[in-house]
Amino acid sequence: MLWSITAALAGFLFGFDVVVISGADKKLQALWGSSEAFHGAVVMGMALWGTVVGAIFGGLPTNKYGRKNTLIVIGILFAVSAIGSALSNDPYVFAFARFIGGLGVGASTIAAPAYISEIAPAKDRGRLVAMYQFNIVFGIMIAYLSNYLLSDIGENAWRWMLGVEAIPAVLYILFALKLPKSPRWLLSQSREAEARDVLKTIDPDSDIDAQVREFNSHSENSDKSETIFIKKYRFPLMLAFFIAFFNQFSGINAVLYYAPRIFEAAGLGESSALLNSIGLGVTNLVFTLLGVFLIDKLGRKTLMYIGSLGYIVSLGLLAAAFLLEWSGMAVPFFLFLFIAAHAVGQGAVIWVFISEIFPNHLRASGQAFGSSVHWILAALIPSLFPFLLKLVGGGAVFLVFAVMMIFQLLFVAFMMPETKGKTLEELEDIMLKK
């Protein structure tokens, strides 16, 4: 549990880094006189393109140098990004500093879930890997709260909003130095004695010999020259693609990035918009906790059913609220419902599910593929969101998201398997039979 929470703190930095920019969004656009397109694609969007690069290539150091060492480097990237962003005096330096933080976000979505899934007992793997998601939303909530508390400290409030992230980043680096290496990674490197020591620490009463034999038997039957793109792994590859694709076509990152702007478009004042953003963070945290509690009890597929239905209802209502110009607290309430549906469904499941469906020797590569699909879309959709919000309005945008979630419901019903309670080696056998 302690190791899982420590590794999952990469998620806290991920969540904080992704959302902290929302508090500086309009201030930075006014400061540098940026157009909507430049502001969305460069100032706001560059971190997401860094995330894409981190997700595409993060599997390489995760495999070669190990999960632990990659997690330490991720902490360094976040610290450098926070300090660089806070000290920036032009949009290009700012965008580069945010790009560095994006590398950390992308790589963390590979290294942290892979590490936790490989140290966790099968019966607890869902909730332990889901701690990563819990830390993401905890980081999101703290970022919204931090932005609100720092919003009135003067002209350079945005610098403090972004720079304060360096404090948890440095603390995370110190914690990560104490982590043991993943036993499955050690076995893949033929370091069996070290792997046995870690396995004994995880569960002294377990049959270590049986665990090592099971890993070695699967390792001996696997071809180290294989890639995730061969026909043999078509099914887990499709699963990773679709769960990542639908995650972003719910509109979740657009909402998290531009929550204050959405609230203002619905008629709320700036201060009220920031305060309601904190409410989104709290809702996200509470329902993620519920998802973490339920994921090993109800299973991944059941949570996805619940989340999909919640998406369809909340996004449909959001579209109606903008199209019919409903006033008052309708938009905040529907956004809270949307966030709750995401947190208990896709939010709790995605990183757990992708970390389970690929074999040991291809886990980091599979994680990198799923993360890459996720983050390419997470870069495109929020980058276009301010432009689309102005061009066609919130009603049309949220209606498209609602329709996409109907397709997600069909994916869950007809394609997604249940993975709870099975060892990673058992799941490898199941995936290959599909």
Protein backbone atom coordinates (compact mmCIF):
# COMPACT_ATOMS: atom_id res chain seq x y z
CA MET A 1 0.00 0.00 0.00
CA LEU A 2 2.80 2.43 0.94
CA TRP A 3 4.72 1.73 -2.28
CA SER A 4 1.54 2.06 -4.36
CA ILE A 5 0.65 5.41 -2.78
CA THR A 6 4.21 6.67 -3.29
CA ALA A 7 4.26 5.68 -6.97
CA ALA A 8 0.73 7.05 -7.37
CA LEU A 9 1.90 10.48 -6.17
CA ALA A 10 3.11 10.91 -9.76
CA GLY A 11 -0.61 11.16 -10.43
CA PHE A 12 -0.91 14.05 -7.95
CA LEU A 13 1.70 16.00 -9.94
CA PHE A 14 -0.06 14.99 -13.18
CA GLY A 15 -3.42 16.29 -11.93
CA PHE A 16 -1.98 19.48 -10.48
CA ASP A 17 0.07 20.23 -13.60
CA VAL A 18 -2.77 19.65 -16.06
CA VAL A 19 -5.31 21.84 -14.26
CA VAL A 20 -3.23 24.58 -12.61
CA ILE A 21 -3.04 26.36 -15.96
CA SER A 22 -6.83 26.96 -15.87
CA GLY A 23 -6.37 29.69 -13.25
CA ALA A 24 -3.91 31.55 -15.47
CA ASP A 25 -5.79 30.92 -18.75
CA LYS A 26 -7.38 34.31 -19.43
CA LYS A 27 -4.66 36.32 -17.63
CA LEU A 28 -1.96 34.88 -19.92
CA GLN A 29 -4.03 35.55 -23.03
CA ALA A 30 -4.49 39.19 -21.99
CA LEU A 31 -0.83 39.56 -20.90
CA TRP A 32 0.60 38.44 -24.25
CA GLY A 33 -2.29 39.58 -26.46
CA SER A 34 -2.65 36.12 -27.99
CA SER A 35 -5.31 35.17 -30.51
CA GLU A 36 -7.75 32.38 -29.60
CA ALA A 37 -5.94 29.98 -31.94
CA PHE A 38 -2.41 30.79 -30.69
CA HIS A 39 -3.49 30.78 -27.05
CA GLY A 40 -5.25 27.42 -27.35
CA ALA A 41 -2.62 25.65 -29.46
CA VAL A 42 0.61 27.08 -28.00
CA VAL A 43 0.19 28.71 -24.58
CA MET A 44 -2.42 26.25 -23.29
CA GLY A 45 -1.84 23.31 -25.62
CA MET A 46 1.96 22.88 -25.59
CA ALA A 47 1.93 20.95 -22.30
CA LEU A 48 -0.43 18.46 -23.91
CA TRP A 49 1.89 17.98 -26.88
CA GLY A 50 4.68 17.33 -24.38
CA THR A 51 2.38 14.77 -22.83
CA VAL A 52 1.94 13.10 -26.23
CA VAL A 53 5.72 12.83 -26.67
CA GLY A 54 6.11 11.55 -23.09
CA ALA A 55 3.41 8.94 -23.68
CA ILE A 56 4.84 7.77 -27.03
CA PHE A 57 8.43 7.42 -25.83
CA GLY A 58 7.93 6.87 -22.09
CA GLY A 59 7.82 3.10 -22.54
CA LEU A 60 11.49 3.06 -23.62
CA PRO A 61 13.09 4.21 -20.32
CA THR A 62 10.37 2.37 -18.37
CA ASN A 63 11.51 -0.88 -20.00
CA LYS A 64 15.24 -0.23 -20.21
CA TYR A 65 16.00 1.56 -16.93
CA GLY A 66 13.08 0.30 -14.87
CA ARG A 67 9.84 1.68 -13.50
CA LYS A 68 11.42 3.18 -10.36
CA ASN A 69 14.16 5.16 -12.14
CA THR A 70 11.66 6.50 -14.64
CA LEU A 71 9.40 7.69 -11.80
CA ILE A 72 12.31 9.64 -10.27
CA VAL A 73 13.06 11.37 -13.60
CA ILE A 74 9.36 12.22 -13.92
CA GLY A 75 9.54 14.10 -10.61
CA ILE A 76 12.53 16.09 -11.88
CA LEU A 77 10.65 17.05 -15.06
CA PHE A 78 7.72 18.39 -13.02
CA ALA A 79 10.02 20.46 -10.78
CA VAL A 80 11.89 22.00 -13.73
CA SER A 81 8.61 22.78 -15.52
CA ALA A 82 7.05 24.49 -12.49
CA ILE A 83 10.04 26.76 -11.92
CA GLY A 84 10.46 27.51 -15.64
CA SER A 85 6.78 28.37 -16.12
CA ALA A 86 6.75 30.70 -13.13
CA LEU A 87 9.82 32.62 -14.35
CA SER A 88 8.75 32.91 -18.02
CA ASN A 89 8.50 36.36 -19.61
CA ASP A 90 7.23 35.45 -23.08
CA PRO A 91 4.78 32.87 -24.46
CA TYR A 92 7.45 30.76 -26.19
CA VAL A 93 9.60 30.20 -23.09
CA PHE A 94 6.42 29.55 -21.14
CA ALA A 95 5.23 27.00 -23.72
CA PHE A 96 8.62 25.20 -23.62
CA ALA A 97 8.54 24.99 -19.80
CA ARG A 98 5.00 23.60 -19.97
CA PHE A 99 6.15 21.13 -22.63
CA ILE A 100 8.72 19.72 -20.16
CA GLY A 101 5.98 19.20 -17.57
CA GLY A 102 3.92 17.49 -20.27
CA LEU A 103 6.74 14.98 -20.78
CA GLY A 104 6.40 14.09 -17.09
CA VAL A 105 2.63 13.71 -17.35
CA GLY A 106 2.85 11.42 -20.38
CA ALA A 107 5.59 9.22 -18.95
CA SER A 108 3.81 8.97 -15.59
CA THR A 109 0.76 7.38 -17.25
CA ILE A 110 3.05 4.52 -18.29
CA ALA A 111 5.51 4.07 -15.43
CA ALA A 112 3.21 4.52 -12.41
CA PRO A 113 0.34 2.15 -13.39
CA ALA A 114 2.84 -0.43 -14.72
CA TYR A 115 4.83 -0.30 -11.46
CA ILE A 116 1.79 -0.60 -9.20
CA SER A 117 0.16 -3.40 -11.24
CA GLU A 118 3.40 -5.39 -10.98
CA ILE A 119 3.76 -5.15 -7.20
CA ALA A 120 0.06 -5.56 -6.33
CA PRO A 121 -1.64 -8.85 -5.35
CA ALA A 122 -4.36 -9.80 -7.89
CA LYS A 123 -7.24 -9.31 -5.42
CA ASP A 124 -6.15 -5.73 -4.60
CA ARG A 125 -4.67 -4.67 -7.93
CA GLY A 126 -7.69 -2.64 -9.04
CA ARG A 127 -7.84 -0.36 -6.02
CA LEU A 128 -4.06 -0.03 -5.75
CA VAL A 129 -3.60 0.99 -9.39
CA ALA A 130 -6.68 3.21 -9.05
CA MET A 131 -4.77 5.11 -6.32
CA TYR A 132 -2.95 6.70 -9.26
CA GLN A 133 -6.27 8.08 -10.54
CA PHE A 134 -7.24 9.15 -7.01
CA ASN A 135 -4.02 11.14 -6.80
CA ILE A 136 -4.72 12.71 -10.19
CA VAL A 137 -8.05 14.07 -8.99
CA PHE A 138 -6.60 15.03 -5.60
CA GLY A 139 -3.98 17.03 -7.51
CA ILE A 140 -6.76 18.57 -9.63
CA MET A 141 -8.70 19.63 -6.54
CA ILE A 142 -5.62 21.10 -4.86
CA ALA A 143 -4.78 22.98 -8.08
CA TYR A 144 -8.26 24.53 -8.23
CA LEU A 145 -8.05 25.43 -4.52
CA SER A 146 -4.53 26.82 -4.90
CA ASN A 147 -5.60 28.95 -7.89
CA TYR A 148 -8.54 30.35 -5.93
CA LEU A 149 -6.41 31.20 -2.87
CA LEU A 150 -3.67 32.81 -4.96
CA SER A 151 -5.93 34.64 -7.42
CA ASP A 152 -5.97 37.95 -5.49
CA ILE A 153 -2.31 38.32 -4.51
CA GLY A 154 -1.47 40.76 -7.30
CA GLU A 155 -0.48 41.12 -10.94
CA ASN A 156 1.89 38.14 -10.84
CA ALA A 157 -0.54 35.74 -9.15
CA TRP A 158 -0.27 33.41 -12.16
CA ARG A 159 3.47 32.95 -11.51
CA TRP A 160 2.76 31.73 -7.98
CA MET A 161 -0.06 29.50 -9.19
CA LEU A 162 2.32 27.68 -11.55
CA GLY A 163 5.52 27.82 -9.47
CA VAL A 164 4.09 26.32 -6.28
CA GLU A 165 4.05 22.90 -7.99
CA ALA A 166 7.83 22.66 -7.46
CA ILE A 167 7.26 21.95 -3.73
CA PRO A 168 5.31 18.66 -4.11
CA ALA A 169 7.58 17.71 -7.05
CA VAL A 170 10.72 17.83 -4.89
CA LEU A 171 8.98 15.93 -2.07
CA TYR A 172 7.88 13.27 -4.56
CA ILE A 173 11.45 12.78 -5.81
CA LEU A 174 12.61 12.14 -2.24
CA PHE A 175 9.79 9.60 -1.66
CA ALA A 176 10.43 7.80 -4.98
CA LEU A 177 14.08 7.25 -4.09
CA LYS A 178 12.89 4.86 -1.33
CA LEU A 179 10.83 2.63 -3.64
CA PRO A 180 12.03 -0.91 -4.44
CA LYS A 181 12.28 -1.97 -8.07
CA SER A 182 9.37 -3.86 -9.66
CA PRO A 183 9.83 -7.63 -9.09
CA ARG A 184 8.49 -8.46 -12.56
CA TRP A 185 10.90 -5.98 -14.15
CA LEU A 186 13.76 -7.48 -12.12
CA LEU A 187 12.82 -10.98 -13.31
CA SER A 188 12.71 -9.72 -16.91
CA GLN A 189 16.30 -8.53 -16.36
CA SER A 190 17.33 -11.98 -14.94
CA ARG A 191 17.82 -10.49 -11.46
CA GLU A 192 15.91 -13.24 -9.66
CA ALA A 193 17.48 -12.86 -6.18
CA GLU A 194 16.47 -9.17 -5.99
CA ALA A 195 12.99 -9.99 -7.28
CA ARG A 196 12.53 -12.67 -4.61
CA ASP A 197 13.49 -10.18 -1.88
CA VAL A 198 10.83 -7.71 -3.09
CA LEU A 199 8.17 -10.45 -3.40
CA LYS A 200 8.91 -11.61 0.17
CA THR A 201 8.44 -8.06 1.43
CA ILE A 202 5.11 -7.73 -0.42
CA ASP A 203 3.70 -10.98 1.03
CA PRO A 204 5.97 -13.14 3.24
CA ASP A 205 3.31 -15.91 3.38
CA SER A 206 2.90 -16.28 -0.39
CA ASP A 207 4.50 -19.04 -2.46
CA ILE A 208 7.43 -17.11 -3.94
CA ASP A 209 8.69 -20.13 -5.90
CA ALA A 210 5.28 -20.53 -7.59
CA GLN A 211 5.16 -16.83 -8.53
CA VAL A 212 8.65 -16.94 -10.02
CA ARG A 213 7.86 -20.17 -11.91
CA GLU A 214 4.65 -18.67 -13.32
CA PHE A 215 6.46 -15.56 -14.52
CA ASN A 216 9.35 -17.55 -15.99
CA SER A 217 7.03 -19.96 -17.82
CA HIS A 218 5.27 -17.06 -19.54
CA SER A 219 8.59 -15.34 -20.17
CA GLU A 220 10.04 -18.48 -21.79
CA ASN A 221 7.02 -18.78 -24.08
CA SER A 222 7.25 -15.16 -25.20
CA ASP A 223 9.32 -13.84 -28.07
CA LYS A 224 11.33 -10.81 -26.92
CA SER A 225 11.36 -9.47 -30.49
CA GLU A 226 7.55 -9.23 -30.54
CA THR A 227 5.69 -5.92 -30.68
CA ILE A 228 2.14 -5.07 -29.62
CA PHE A 229 1.22 -4.53 -33.29
CA ILE A 230 1.36 -8.16 -34.43
CA LYS A 231 -1.88 -10.06 -35.05
CA LYS A 232 -1.49 -12.05 -31.82
CA TYR A 233 -2.08 -8.92 -29.71
CA ARG A 234 -4.80 -7.34 -31.85
CA PHE A 235 -7.50 -7.74 -29.17
CA PRO A 236 -5.70 -6.02 -26.24
CA LEU A 237 -4.49 -3.35 -28.70
CA MET A 238 -8.08 -2.60 -29.74
CA LEU A 239 -9.20 -2.53 -26.09
CA ALA A 240 -6.46 -0.02 -25.20
CA PHE A 241 -7.32 2.13 -28.23
CA PHE A 242 -11.06 2.31 -27.59
CA ILE A 243 -10.94 2.92 -23.84
CA ALA A 244 -8.44 5.78 -24.41
CA PHE A 245 -10.39 7.13 -27.40
CA PHE A 246 -13.69 7.29 -25.56
CA ASN A 247 -12.05 8.72 -22.43
CA GLN A 248 -11.16 11.88 -24.31
CA PHE A 249 -14.29 12.08 -26.47
CA SER A 250 -16.26 12.46 -23.27
CA GLY A 251 -14.76 15.98 -23.21
CA ILE A 252 -13.19 15.50 -19.77
CA ASN A 253 -9.92 17.32 -20.43
CA ALA A 254 -11.68 20.20 -22.16
CA VAL A 255 -13.89 20.61 -19.08
CA LEU A 256 -10.96 20.39 -16.65
CA TYR A 257 -8.82 22.84 -18.63
CA TYR A 258 -11.54 25.39 -19.30
CA ALA A 259 -13.93 24.98 -16.35
CA PRO A 260 -13.79 28.70 -15.36
CA ARG A 261 -14.38 29.70 -19.01
CA ILE A 262 -17.37 27.33 -19.33
CA PHE A 263 -18.90 28.74 -16.14
CA GLU A 264 -18.41 32.29 -17.40
CA ALA A 265 -19.96 31.36 -20.78
CA ALA A 266 -22.97 30.14 -18.80
CA GLY A 267 -23.31 33.55 -17.17
CA LEU A 268 -21.37 33.22 -13.90
CA GLY A 269 -18.88 35.87 -12.76
CA GLU A 270 -15.11 35.25 -12.65
CA SER A 271 -14.91 34.72 -8.87
CA SER A 272 -17.97 32.47 -8.88
CA ALA A 273 -16.46 30.52 -11.81
CA LEU A 274 -13.25 29.84 -9.87
CA LEU A 275 -15.25 28.82 -6.79
CA ASN A 276 -17.41 26.42 -8.81
CA SER A 277 -14.20 24.95 -10.26
CA ILE A 278 -13.22 23.96 -6.71
CA GLY A 279 -16.61 22.26 -6.47
CA LEU A 280 -15.73 20.23 -9.58
CA GLY A 281 -12.49 19.18 -7.92
CA VAL A 282 -14.26 18.07 -4.72
CA THR A 283 -16.87 16.13 -6.71
CA ASN A 284 -14.12 14.45 -8.73
CA LEU A 285 -12.29 13.44 -5.55
CA VAL A 286 -15.35 12.04 -3.74
CA PHE A 287 -16.56 9.94 -6.68
CA THR A 288 -13.04 8.73 -7.51
CA LEU A 289 -12.82 7.44 -3.94
CA LEU A 290 -16.10 5.63 -4.57
CA GLY A 291 -14.68 4.16 -7.79
CA VAL A 292 -11.50 3.02 -6.01
CA PHE A 293 -13.64 1.35 -3.32
CA LEU A 294 -15.87 -0.43 -5.86
CA ILE A 295 -13.43 -1.42 -8.62
CA ASP A 296 -12.38 -4.76 -7.06
CA LYS A 297 -15.90 -5.43 -5.75
CA LEU A 298 -18.09 -4.67 -8.78
CA GLY A 299 -15.39 -4.97 -11.42
CA ARG A 300 -14.11 -2.73 -14.18
CA LYS A 301 -16.96 -3.41 -16.63
CA THR A 302 -19.77 -2.57 -14.18
CA LEU A 303 -18.16 0.77 -13.33
CA MET A 304 -17.89 1.53 -17.05
CA TYR A 305 -21.62 0.83 -17.47
CA ILE A 306 -22.44 3.23 -14.62
CA GLY A 307 -20.08 5.90 -15.96
CA SER A 308 -21.33 5.61 -19.55
CA LEU A 309 -24.97 6.11 -18.56
CA GLY A 310 -23.99 9.04 -16.33
CA TYR A 311 -22.05 10.61 -19.21
CA ILE A 312 -24.99 10.34 -21.60
CA VAL A 313 -27.44 11.93 -19.15
CA SER A 314 -25.14 14.75 -17.96
CA LEU A 315 -23.77 15.69 -21.40
CA GLY A 316 -27.29 15.64 -22.86
CA LEU A 317 -28.45 18.01 -20.13
CA LEU A 318 -25.41 20.28 -20.63
CA ALA A 319 -26.16 20.49 -24.35
CA ALA A 320 -29.79 21.36 -23.58
CA ALA A 321 -28.75 23.99 -21.01
CA PHE A 322 -26.64 25.86 -23.59
CA LEU A 323 -29.04 25.39 -26.51
CA LEU A 324 -32.11 26.46 -24.51
CA GLU A 325 -30.19 29.11 -22.51
CA TRP A 326 -31.15 27.80 -19.08
CA SER A 327 -29.99 30.24 -16.40
CA GLY A 328 -28.96 29.88 -12.77
CA MET A 329 -27.17 26.85 -11.40
CA ALA A 330 -28.18 24.42 -14.17
CA VAL A 331 -24.75 24.33 -15.88
CA PRO A 332 -22.72 23.90 -12.64
CA PHE A 333 -25.05 21.12 -11.47
CA PHE A 334 -24.85 19.25 -14.81
CA LEU A 335 -21.05 19.65 -14.86
CA PHE A 336 -20.86 18.18 -11.34
CA LEU A 337 -22.97 15.24 -12.54
CA PHE A 338 -20.65 14.82 -15.54
CA ILE A 339 -17.54 14.83 -13.34
CA ALA A 340 -19.14 12.28 -10.97
CA ALA A 341 -19.91 9.97 -13.92
CA HIS A 342 -16.34 10.27 -15.18
CA ALA A 343 -14.74 9.73 -11.78
CA VAL A 344 -16.63 6.54 -10.90
CA GLY A 345 -16.34 5.11 -14.43
CA GLN A 346 -13.62 5.96 -16.95
CA GLY A 347 -11.53 7.85 -14.41
CA ALA A 348 -11.27 4.91 -12.02
CA VAL A 349 -10.92 2.25 -14.73
CA ILE A 350 -8.73 3.46 -17.60
CA TRP A 351 -5.23 3.21 -16.13
CA VAL A 352 -6.07 0.01 -14.24
CA PHE A 353 -7.49 -1.66 -17.35
CA ILE A 354 -4.66 -0.72 -19.74
CA SER A 355 -2.05 -1.91 -17.21
CA GLU A 356 -3.73 -5.35 -17.04
CA ILE A 357 -4.38 -6.37 -20.64
CA PHE A 358 -0.86 -6.68 -22.08
CA PRO A 359 1.70 -9.45 -21.30
CA ASN A 360 4.61 -8.73 -18.96
CA HIS A 361 7.23 -8.25 -21.67
CA LEU A 362 4.99 -5.80 -23.58
CA ARG A 363 3.26 -4.03 -20.69
CA ALA A 364 5.19 -0.76 -20.97
CA SER A 365 4.76 -0.74 -24.76
CA GLY A 366 1.02 -1.41 -24.45
CA GLN A 367 0.72 1.23 -21.76
CA ALA A 368 2.60 3.65 -24.04
CA PHE A 369 0.19 2.93 -26.92
CA GLY A 370 -2.94 3.47 -24.82
CA SER A 371 -1.47 6.59 -23.24
CA SER A 372 -0.45 7.96 -26.65
CA VAL A 373 -3.97 7.61 -28.05
CA HIS A 374 -5.32 9.23 -24.88
CA TRP A 375 -2.92 12.16 -24.97
CA ILE A 376 -3.00 12.87 -28.72
CA LEU A 377 -6.76 13.35 -28.37
CA ALA A 378 -6.24 15.20 -25.06
CA ALA A 379 -4.02 17.64 -26.96
CA LEU A 380 -6.33 18.08 -29.94
CA ILE A 381 -9.69 18.43 -28.19
CA PRO A 382 -8.78 21.06 -25.52
CA SER A 383 -6.68 22.97 -28.08
CA LEU A 384 -9.75 23.32 -30.32
CA PHE A 385 -12.24 23.82 -27.47
CA PRO A 386 -12.05 27.66 -27.05
CA PHE A 387 -12.38 28.08 -30.84
CA LEU A 388 -15.34 25.66 -31.08
CA LEU A 389 -17.03 27.16 -28.01
CA LYS A 390 -16.95 30.54 -29.74
CA LEU A 391 -17.80 29.22 -33.23
CA VAL A 392 -20.72 26.83 -32.62
CA GLY A 393 -21.48 27.30 -28.90
CA GLY A 394 -21.48 24.96 -25.92
CA GLY A 395 -24.71 23.22 -26.93
CA ALA A 396 -23.34 21.69 -30.15
CA VAL A 397 -20.01 20.74 -28.54
CA PHE A 398 -21.59 18.93 -25.59
CA LEU A 399 -24.10 17.22 -27.89
CA VAL A 400 -21.24 15.65 -29.90
CA PHE A 401 -19.65 14.42 -26.66
CA ALA A 402 -22.99 12.87 -25.58
CA VAL A 403 -23.34 10.96 -28.87
CA MET A 404 -19.79 9.61 -28.52
CA MET A 405 -20.68 8.25 -25.08
CA ILE A 406 -23.52 6.22 -26.60
CA PHE A 407 -20.84 4.50 -28.70
CA GLN A 408 -18.77 3.96 -25.53
CA LEU A 409 -21.74 2.17 -23.95
CA LEU A 410 -21.84 -0.20 -26.94
CA PHE A 411 -18.07 -0.83 -26.60
CA VAL A 412 -18.53 -1.78 -22.93
CA ALA A 413 -21.50 -4.04 -23.67
CA PHE A 414 -20.09 -5.97 -26.62
CA MET A 415 -16.30 -5.84 -26.46
CA MET A 416 -14.83 -5.06 -23.04
CA PRO A 417 -13.91 -8.12 -20.89
CA GLU A 418 -13.89 -8.19 -17.07
CA THR A 419 -10.38 -8.36 -15.55
CA LYS A 420 -10.95 -8.22 -11.79
CA GLY A 421 -9.42 -10.85 -9.48
CA LYS A 422 -7.11 -12.47 -12.05
CA THR A 423 -3.31 -12.49 -12.02
CA LEU A 424 -1.52 -10.67 -14.82
CA GLU A 425 -0.33 -14.02 -16.16
CA GLU A 426 -3.91 -15.40 -16.19
CA LEU A 427 -5.08 -12.31 -18.07
CA GLU A 428 -2.31 -12.80 -20.61
CA ASP A 429 -3.70 -16.27 -21.39
CA ILE A 430 -7.27 -14.90 -21.65
CA MET A 431 -6.29 -12.09 -24.04
CA LEU A 432 -4.43 -14.47 -26.36
CA LYS A 433 -7.49 -16.72 -26.69
CA LYS A 434 -9.68 -13.87 -28.00
